[in-house]
PDB file of N, CA and C in Angstrom:
ATOM      1  N   UNK A   1    -141.092 129.183 191.344  1.00  0.00           N
ATOM      2  CA  UNK A   1    -140.567 129.947 190.232  1.00  0.00           C
ATOM      3  C   UNK A   1    -141.345 129.539 188.985  1.00  0.00           C
ATOM      4  N   UNK A   2    -141.697 130.487 188.150  1.00  0.00           N
ATOM      5  CA  UNK A   2    -142.482 130.179 186.968  1.00  0.00           C
ATOM      6  C   UNK A   2    -141.640 129.464 185.917  1.00  0.00           C
ATOM      7  N   UNK A   3    -142.338 128.722 185.056  1.00  0.00           N
ATOM      8  CA  UNK A   3    -141.678 127.976 183.988  1.00  0.00           C
ATOM      9  C   UNK A   3    -141.050 128.943 182.998  1.00  0.00           C
ATOM     10  N   UNK A   4    -139.841 128.627 182.570  1.00  0.00           N
ATOM     11  CA  UNK A   4    -139.141 129.445 181.597  1.00  0.00           C
ATOM     12  C   UNK A   4    -139.226 128.838 180.214  1.00  0.00           C
ATOM     13  N   UNK A   5    -138.224 129.072 179.421  1.00  0.00           N
ATOM     14  CA  UNK A   5    -138.189 128.613 178.041  1.00  0.00           C
ATOM     15  C   UNK A   5    -137.901 127.121 177.950  1.00  0.00           C
ATOM     16  N   UNK A   6    -136.966 126.637 178.747  1.00  0.00           N
ATOM     17  CA  UNK A   6    -136.586 125.227 178.687  1.00  0.00           C
ATOM     18  C   UNK A   6    -137.544 124.368 179.501  1.00  0.00           C
ATOM     19  N   UNK A   7    -137.464 123.060 179.280  1.00  0.00           N
ATOM     20  CA  UNK A   7    -138.406 122.138 179.898  1.00  0.00           C
ATOM     21  C   UNK A   7    -138.016 121.643 181.269  1.00  0.00           C
ATOM     22  N   UNK A   8    -137.445 122.480 182.108  1.00  0.00           N
ATOM     23  CA  UNK A   8    -137.154 122.055 183.475  1.00  0.00           C
ATOM     24  C   UNK A   8    -137.897 122.961 184.438  1.00  0.00           C
ATOM     25  N   UNK A   9    -138.157 122.447 185.610  1.00  0.00           N
ATOM     26  CA  UNK A   9    -138.768 123.236 186.663  1.00  0.00           C
ATOM     27  C   UNK A   9    -138.036 122.935 187.959  1.00  0.00           C
ATOM     28  N   UNK A  10    -137.885 123.963 188.777  1.00  0.00           N
ATOM     29  CA  UNK A  10    -137.332 123.742 190.106  1.00  0.00           C
ATOM     30  C   UNK A  10    -138.399 123.057 190.938  1.00  0.00           C
ATOM     31  N   UNK A  11    -137.963 122.115 191.763  1.00  0.00           N
ATOM     32  CA  UNK A  11    -138.904 121.475 192.659  1.00  0.00           C
ATOM     33  C   UNK A  11    -138.210 121.197 193.985  1.00  0.00           C
ATOM     34  N   UNK A  12    -139.009 121.183 195.015  1.00  0.00           N
ATOM     35  CA  UNK A  12    -138.489 120.886 196.346  1.00  0.00           C
ATOM     36  C   UNK A  12    -138.693 119.408 196.608  1.00  0.00           C
ATOM     37  N   UNK A  13    -137.643 118.760 197.047  1.00  0.00           N
ATOM     38  CA  UNK A  13    -137.704 117.340 197.371  1.00  0.00           C
ATOM     39  C   UNK A  13    -137.429 117.202 198.859  1.00  0.00           C
ATOM     40  N   UNK A  14    -138.480 117.073 199.631  1.00  0.00           N
ATOM     41  CA  UNK A  14    -138.349 117.012 201.087  1.00  0.00           C
ATOM     42  C   UNK A  14    -137.814 115.681 201.581  1.00  0.00           C
ATOM     43  N   UNK A  15    -137.757 114.679 200.715  1.00  0.00           N
ATOM     44  CA  UNK A  15    -137.316 113.353 201.134  1.00  0.00           C
ATOM     45  C   UNK A  15    -135.803 113.203 201.113  1.00  0.00           C
ATOM     46  N   UNK A  16    -135.120 114.058 200.390  1.00  0.00           N
ATOM     47  CA  UNK A  16    -133.670 113.940 200.239  1.00  0.00           C
ATOM     48  C   UNK A  16    -132.990 115.115 200.929  1.00  0.00           C
ATOM     49  N   UNK A  17    -131.789 114.893 201.368  1.00  0.00           N
ATOM     50  CA  UNK A  17    -131.088 115.948 202.101  1.00  0.00           C
ATOM     51  C   UNK A  17    -129.957 116.580 201.306  1.00  0.00           C
ATOM     52  N   UNK A  18    -129.794 116.192 200.019  1.00  0.00           N
ATOM     53  CA  UNK A  18    -128.717 116.769 199.230  1.00  0.00           C
ATOM     54  C   UNK A  18    -128.967 118.252 199.012  1.00  0.00           C
ATOM     55  N   UNK A  19    -127.932 119.018 199.169  1.00  0.00           N
ATOM     56  CA  UNK A  19    -127.990 120.454 198.910  1.00  0.00           C
ATOM     57  C   UNK A  19    -126.955 120.752 197.835  1.00  0.00           C
ATOM     58  N   UNK A  20    -127.135 121.855 197.150  1.00  0.00           N
ATOM     59  CA  UNK A  20    -126.196 122.199 196.098  1.00  0.00           C
ATOM     60  C   UNK A  20    -125.935 123.694 196.070  1.00  0.00           C
ATOM     61  N   UNK A  21    -124.736 124.028 195.682  1.00  0.00           N
ATOM     62  CA  UNK A  21    -124.392 125.424 195.441  1.00  0.00           C
ATOM     63  C   UNK A  21    -124.550 125.747 193.957  1.00  0.00           C
ATOM     64  N   UNK A  22    -124.998 124.772 193.175  1.00  0.00           N
ATOM     65  CA  UNK A  22    -125.107 124.931 191.729  1.00  0.00           C
ATOM     66  C   UNK A  22    -126.541 125.190 191.275  1.00  0.00           C
ATOM     67  N   UNK A  23    -127.423 125.535 192.176  1.00  0.00           N
ATOM     68  CA  UNK A  23    -128.833 125.734 191.848  1.00  0.00           C
ATOM     69  C   UNK A  23    -129.099 126.864 190.876  1.00  0.00           C
ATOM     70  N   UNK A  24    -128.168 127.794 190.717  1.00  0.00           N
ATOM     71  CA  UNK A  24    -128.359 128.903 189.792  1.00  0.00           C
ATOM     72  C   UNK A  24    -127.921 128.602 188.369  1.00  0.00           C
ATOM     73  N   UNK A  25    -127.270 127.473 188.144  1.00  0.00           N
ATOM     74  CA  UNK A  25    -126.774 127.149 186.801  1.00  0.00           C
ATOM     75  C   UNK A  25    -127.873 127.005 185.746  1.00  0.00           C
ATOM     76  N   UNK A  26    -129.049 126.464 186.063  1.00  0.00           N
ATOM     77  CA  UNK A  26    -130.081 126.387 185.026  1.00  0.00           C
ATOM     78  C   UNK A  26    -130.470 127.746 184.437  1.00  0.00           C
ATOM     79  N   UNK A  27    -130.312 128.807 185.200  1.00  0.00           N
ATOM     80  CA  UNK A  27    -130.597 130.144 184.671  1.00  0.00           C
ATOM     81  C   UNK A  27    -129.606 130.475 183.555  1.00  0.00           C
ATOM     82  N   UNK A  28    -128.339 130.136 183.745  1.00  0.00           N
ATOM     83  CA  UNK A  28    -127.337 130.337 182.693  1.00  0.00           C
ATOM     84  C   UNK A  28    -127.651 129.464 181.479  1.00  0.00           C
ATOM     85  N   UNK A  29    -128.095 128.244 181.726  1.00  0.00           N
ATOM     86  CA  UNK A  29    -128.449 127.331 180.654  1.00  0.00           C
ATOM     87  C   UNK A  29    -129.600 127.906 179.824  1.00  0.00           C
ATOM     88  N   UNK A  30    -130.607 128.402 180.502  1.00  0.00           N
ATOM     89  CA  UNK A  30    -131.750 128.989 179.812  1.00  0.00           C
ATOM     90  C   UNK A  30    -131.353 130.259 179.058  1.00  0.00           C
ATOM     91  N   UNK A  31    -130.523 131.077 179.669  1.00  0.00           N
ATOM     92  CA  UNK A  31    -130.038 132.295 179.014  1.00  0.00           C
ATOM     93  C   UNK A  31    -129.282 131.958 177.732  1.00  0.00           C
ATOM     94  N   UNK A  32    -128.405 130.950 177.801  1.00  0.00           N
ATOM     95  CA  UNK A  32    -127.664 130.519 176.623  1.00  0.00           C
ATOM     96  C   UNK A  32    -128.592 130.024 175.525  1.00  0.00           C
ATOM     97  N   UNK A  33    -129.650 129.327 175.911  1.00  0.00           N
ATOM     98  CA  UNK A  33    -130.614 128.823 174.937  1.00  0.00           C
ATOM     99  C   UNK A  33    -131.349 129.981 174.260  1.00  0.00           C
ATOM    100  N   UNK A  34    -131.815 130.932 175.036  1.00  0.00           N
ATOM    101  CA  UNK A  34    -132.552 132.084 174.497  1.00  0.00           C
ATOM    102  C   UNK A  34    -131.670 132.924 173.579  1.00  0.00           C
ATOM    103  N   UNK A  35    -130.409 133.057 173.928  1.00  0.00           N
ATOM    104  CA  UNK A  35    -129.488 133.874 173.130  1.00  0.00           C
ATOM    105  C   UNK A  35    -128.930 133.125 171.912  1.00  0.00           C
ATOM    106  N   UNK A  36    -129.251 131.845 171.773  1.00  0.00           N
ATOM    107  CA  UNK A  36    -128.768 131.069 170.634  1.00  0.00           C
ATOM    108  C   UNK A  36    -127.290 130.717 170.730  1.00  0.00           C
ATOM    109  N   UNK A  37    -126.832 130.499 171.946  1.00  0.00           N
ATOM    110  CA  UNK A  37    -125.413 130.242 172.180  1.00  0.00           C
ATOM    111  C   UNK A  37    -124.913 128.975 171.485  1.00  0.00           C
ATOM    112  N   UNK A  38    -125.694 127.902 171.521  1.00  0.00           N
ATOM    113  CA  UNK A  38    -125.212 126.669 170.898  1.00  0.00           C
ATOM    114  C   UNK A  38    -125.065 126.830 169.385  1.00  0.00           C
ATOM    115  N   UNK A  39    -125.988 127.535 168.765  1.00  0.00           N
ATOM    116  CA  UNK A  39    -125.861 127.796 167.329  1.00  0.00           C
ATOM    117  C   UNK A  39    -124.648 128.639 167.015  1.00  0.00           C
ATOM    118  N   UNK A  40    -124.396 129.630 167.846  1.00  0.00           N
ATOM    119  CA  UNK A  40    -123.222 130.488 167.671  1.00  0.00           C
ATOM    120  C   UNK A  40    -121.934 129.675 167.832  1.00  0.00           C
ATOM    121  N   UNK A  41    -121.890 128.815 168.839  1.00  0.00           N
ATOM    122  CA  UNK A  41    -120.709 127.966 169.050  1.00  0.00           C
ATOM    123  C   UNK A  41    -120.494 127.033 167.864  1.00  0.00           C
ATOM    124  N   UNK A  42    -121.572 126.464 167.356  1.00  0.00           N
ATOM    125  CA  UNK A  42    -121.455 125.576 166.197  1.00  0.00           C
ATOM    126  C   UNK A  42    -120.881 126.330 164.995  1.00  0.00           C
ATOM    127  N   UNK A  43    -121.379 127.553 164.772  1.00  0.00           N
ATOM    128  CA  UNK A  43    -120.894 128.350 163.645  1.00  0.00           C
ATOM    129  C   UNK A  43    -119.428 128.732 163.819  1.00  0.00           C
ATOM    130  N   UNK A  44    -119.085 129.236 164.991  1.00  0.00           N
ATOM    131  CA  UNK A  44    -117.721 129.706 165.245  1.00  0.00           C
ATOM    132  C   UNK A  44    -116.691 128.583 165.252  1.00  0.00           C
ATOM    133  N   UNK A  45    -117.083 127.431 165.774  1.00  0.00           N
ATOM    134  CA  UNK A  45    -116.157 126.310 165.868  1.00  0.00           C
ATOM    135  C   UNK A  45    -116.211 125.408 164.644  1.00  0.00           C
ATOM    136  N   UNK A  46    -117.136 125.681 163.731  1.00  0.00           N
ATOM    137  CA  UNK A  46    -117.248 124.878 162.524  1.00  0.00           C
ATOM    138  C   UNK A  46    -117.719 123.459 162.771  1.00  0.00           C
ATOM    139  N   UNK A  47    -118.579 123.284 163.766  1.00  0.00           N
ATOM    140  CA  UNK A  47    -119.064 121.950 164.114  1.00  0.00           C
ATOM    141  C   UNK A  47    -120.277 121.610 163.254  1.00  0.00           C
ATOM    142  N   UNK A  48    -120.243 120.434 162.669  1.00  0.00           N
ATOM    143  CA  UNK A  48    -121.351 119.943 161.864  1.00  0.00           C
ATOM    144  C   UNK A  48    -122.066 118.848 162.648  1.00  0.00           C
ATOM    145  N   UNK A  49    -123.299 118.580 162.272  1.00  0.00           N
ATOM    146  CA  UNK A  49    -124.098 117.585 162.986  1.00  0.00           C
ATOM    147  C   UNK A  49    -123.478 116.194 162.961  1.00  0.00           C
ATOM    148  N   UNK A  50    -122.667 115.902 161.959  1.00  0.00           N
ATOM    149  CA  UNK A  50    -122.093 114.559 161.878  1.00  0.00           C
ATOM    150  C   UNK A  50    -120.758 114.426 162.605  1.00  0.00           C
ATOM    151  N   UNK A  51    -120.256 115.522 163.204  1.00  0.00           N
ATOM    152  CA  UNK A  51    -119.033 115.437 164.005  1.00  0.00           C
ATOM    153  C   UNK A  51    -119.332 114.636 165.268  1.00  0.00           C
ATOM    154  N   UNK A  52    -118.342 113.877 165.718  1.00  0.00           N
ATOM    155  CA  UNK A  52    -118.582 113.016 166.869  1.00  0.00           C
ATOM    156  C   UNK A  52    -118.099 113.601 168.184  1.00  0.00           C
ATOM    157  N   UNK A  53    -116.946 114.227 168.205  1.00  0.00           N
ATOM    158  CA  UNK A  53    -116.351 114.667 169.469  1.00  0.00           C
ATOM    159  C   UNK A  53    -116.882 116.042 169.883  1.00  0.00           C
ATOM    160  N   UNK A  54    -117.467 116.125 171.067  1.00  0.00           N
ATOM    161  CA  UNK A  54    -117.936 117.378 171.659  1.00  0.00           C
ATOM    162  C   UNK A  54    -118.851 118.159 170.725  1.00  0.00           C
ATOM    163  N   UNK A  55    -119.733 117.457 170.039  1.00  0.00           N
ATOM    164  CA  UNK A  55    -120.566 118.147 169.068  1.00  0.00           C
ATOM    165  C   UNK A  55    -122.004 118.351 169.526  1.00  0.00           C
ATOM    166  N   UNK A  56    -122.445 117.634 170.529  1.00  0.00           N
ATOM    167  CA  UNK A  56    -123.837 117.800 170.918  1.00  0.00           C
ATOM    168  C   UNK A  56    -124.017 119.105 171.694  1.00  0.00           C
ATOM    169  N   UNK A  57    -125.207 119.636 171.604  1.00  0.00           N
ATOM    170  CA  UNK A  57    -125.523 120.869 172.329  1.00  0.00           C
ATOM    171  C   UNK A  57    -125.325 120.681 173.821  1.00  0.00           C
ATOM    172  N   UNK A  58    -125.673 119.496 174.314  1.00  0.00           N
ATOM    173  CA  UNK A  58    -125.513 119.207 175.743  1.00  0.00           C
ATOM    174  C   UNK A  58    -124.052 119.264 176.149  1.00  0.00           C
ATOM    175  N   UNK A  59    -123.181 118.701 175.319  1.00  0.00           N
ATOM    176  CA  UNK A  59    -121.748 118.713 175.624  1.00  0.00           C
ATOM    177  C   UNK A  59    -121.200 120.135 175.638  1.00  0.00           C
ATOM    178  N   UNK A  60    -121.604 120.931 174.652  1.00  0.00           N
ATOM    179  CA  UNK A  60    -121.110 122.309 174.588  1.00  0.00           C
ATOM    180  C   UNK A  60    -121.588 123.118 175.783  1.00  0.00           C
ATOM    181  N   UNK A  61    -122.855 122.983 176.151  1.00  0.00           N
ATOM    182  CA  UNK A  61    -123.370 123.749 177.282  1.00  0.00           C
ATOM    183  C   UNK A  61    -122.779 123.257 178.597  1.00  0.00           C
ATOM    184  N   UNK A  62    -122.442 121.981 178.682  1.00  0.00           N
ATOM    185  CA  UNK A  62    -121.767 121.475 179.882  1.00  0.00           C
ATOM    186  C   UNK A  62    -120.427 122.181 180.061  1.00  0.00           C
ATOM    187  N   UNK A  63    -119.711 122.364 178.970  1.00  0.00           N
ATOM    188  CA  UNK A  63    -118.426 123.057 179.048  1.00  0.00           C
ATOM    189  C   UNK A  63    -118.608 124.528 179.416  1.00  0.00           C
ATOM    190  N   UNK A  64    -119.653 125.158 178.899  1.00  0.00           N
ATOM    191  CA  UNK A  64    -119.922 126.560 179.241  1.00  0.00           C
ATOM    192  C   UNK A  64    -120.283 126.685 180.717  1.00  0.00           C
ATOM    193  N   UNK A  65    -121.112 125.776 181.222  1.00  0.00           N
ATOM    194  CA  UNK A  65    -121.533 125.818 182.631  1.00  0.00           C
ATOM    195  C   UNK A  65    -120.411 125.452 183.592  1.00  0.00           C
ATOM    196  N   UNK A  66    -119.386 124.834 183.069  1.00  0.00           N
ATOM    197  CA  UNK A  66    -118.269 124.432 183.909  1.00  0.00           C
ATOM    198  C   UNK A  66    -117.583 125.633 184.554  1.00  0.00           C
ATOM    199  N   UNK A  67    -117.497 126.737 183.834  1.00  0.00           N
ATOM    200  CA  UNK A  67    -116.824 127.919 184.367  1.00  0.00           C
ATOM    201  C   UNK A  67    -117.524 128.486 185.600  1.00  0.00           C
ATOM    202  N   UNK A  68    -118.824 128.827 185.546  1.00  0.00           N
ATOM    203  CA  UNK A  68    -119.453 129.342 186.770  1.00  0.00           C
ATOM    204  C   UNK A  68    -119.576 128.303 187.880  1.00  0.00           C
ATOM    205  N   UNK A  69    -119.414 127.013 187.536  1.00  0.00           N
ATOM    206  CA  UNK A  69    -119.454 125.956 188.555  1.00  0.00           C
ATOM    207  C   UNK A  69    -118.115 125.803 189.266  1.00  0.00           C
ATOM    208  N   UNK A  70    -117.093 126.511 188.786  1.00  0.00           N
ATOM    209  CA  UNK A  70    -115.797 126.465 189.443  1.00  0.00           C
ATOM    210  C   UNK A  70    -114.819 125.498 188.814  1.00  0.00           C
ATOM    211  N   UNK A  71    -115.172 124.950 187.662  1.00  0.00           N
ATOM    212  CA  UNK A  71    -114.273 124.017 186.987  1.00  0.00           C
ATOM    213  C   UNK A  71    -113.115 124.737 186.324  1.00  0.00           C
ATOM    214  N   UNK A  72    -112.005 124.034 186.206  1.00  0.00           N
ATOM    215  CA  UNK A  72    -110.813 124.613 185.586  1.00  0.00           C
ATOM    216  C   UNK A  72    -110.362 123.839 184.360  1.00  0.00           C
ATOM    217  N   UNK A  73    -110.868 122.619 184.176  1.00  0.00           N
ATOM    218  CA  UNK A  73    -110.492 121.814 183.023  1.00  0.00           C
ATOM    219  C   UNK A  73    -111.641 120.865 182.698  1.00  0.00           C
ATOM    220  N   UNK A  74    -111.557 120.230 181.543  1.00  0.00           N
ATOM    221  CA  UNK A  74    -112.623 119.345 181.085  1.00  0.00           C
ATOM    222  C   UNK A  74    -112.880 118.221 182.084  1.00  0.00           C
ATOM    223  N   UNK A  75    -111.849 117.743 182.728  1.00  0.00           N
ATOM    224  CA  UNK A  75    -112.023 116.670 183.720  1.00  0.00           C
ATOM    225  C   UNK A  75    -112.907 117.102 184.887  1.00  0.00           C
ATOM    226  N   UNK A  76    -113.048 118.396 185.089  1.00  0.00           N
ATOM    227  CA  UNK A  76    -113.880 118.887 186.181  1.00  0.00           C
ATOM    228  C   UNK A  76    -115.371 118.787 185.887  1.00  0.00           C
ATOM    229  N   UNK A  77    -115.741 118.234 184.732  1.00  0.00           N
ATOM    230  CA  UNK A  77    -117.157 117.982 184.460  1.00  0.00           C
ATOM    231  C   UNK A  77    -117.752 117.061 185.511  1.00  0.00           C
ATOM    232  N   UNK A  78    -116.889 116.334 186.208  1.00  0.00           N
ATOM    233  CA  UNK A  78    -117.375 115.473 187.293  1.00  0.00           C
ATOM    234  C   UNK A  78    -118.019 116.313 188.397  1.00  0.00           C
ATOM    235  N   UNK A  79    -117.665 117.603 188.494  1.00  0.00           N
ATOM    236  CA  UNK A  79    -118.312 118.494 189.469  1.00  0.00           C
ATOM    237  C   UNK A  79    -119.800 118.570 189.174  1.00  0.00           C
ATOM    238  N   UNK A  80    -120.134 118.765 187.905  1.00  0.00           N
ATOM    239  CA  UNK A  80    -121.539 118.847 187.518  1.00  0.00           C
ATOM    240  C   UNK A  80    -122.225 117.486 187.617  1.00  0.00           C
ATOM    241  N   UNK A  81    -121.561 116.451 187.141  1.00  0.00           N
ATOM    242  CA  UNK A  81    -122.157 115.118 187.134  1.00  0.00           C
ATOM    243  C   UNK A  81    -122.289 114.530 188.526  1.00  0.00           C
ATOM    244  N   UNK A  82    -121.426 114.897 189.429  1.00  0.00           N
ATOM    245  CA  UNK A  82    -121.436 114.305 190.760  1.00  0.00           C
ATOM    246  C   UNK A  82    -122.282 115.025 191.788  1.00  0.00           C
ATOM    247  N   UNK A  83    -122.840 116.168 191.441  1.00  0.00           N
ATOM    248  CA  UNK A  83    -123.639 116.947 192.388  1.00  0.00           C
ATOM    249  C   UNK A  83    -125.084 116.456 192.364  1.00  0.00           C
ATOM    250  N   UNK A  84    -125.459 115.663 193.358  1.00  0.00           N
ATOM    251  CA  UNK A  84    -126.796 115.062 193.382  1.00  0.00           C
ATOM    252  C   UNK A  84    -127.893 116.099 193.535  1.00  0.00           C
ATOM    253  N   UNK A  85    -127.634 117.174 194.226  1.00  0.00           N
ATOM    254  CA  UNK A  85    -128.642 118.232 194.362  1.00  0.00           C
ATOM    255  C   UNK A  85    -128.892 118.962 193.057  1.00  0.00           C
ATOM    256  N   UNK A  86    -127.869 119.083 192.238  1.00  0.00           N
ATOM    257  CA  UNK A  86    -128.000 119.737 190.938  1.00  0.00           C
ATOM    258  C   UNK A  86    -128.684 118.814 189.937  1.00  0.00           C
ATOM    259  N   UNK A  87    -128.328 117.528 189.981  1.00  0.00           N
ATOM    260  CA  UNK A  87    -128.921 116.570 189.020  1.00  0.00           C
ATOM    261  C   UNK A  87    -130.390 116.397 189.277  1.00  0.00           C
TER     262      UNK A  87
END
């Protein structure tokens, strides 16, 4: 697959046997980046750079990706963090 906007690339790792059903999530991540989703969330939620709780772009996008990953609450972020094939 060709390189997109963000700095990740899909790669095949023949040495590991982990598989994931979350392989399509980076496409959503890239789409959100291209559409300026994090900036929109910051504006709508009134988040400033000096806020500490849930203020980083990574944290916000993790919450957005949680929905298509099948998460139902913030604690389900472990679904994303625990998937070795996705990481």
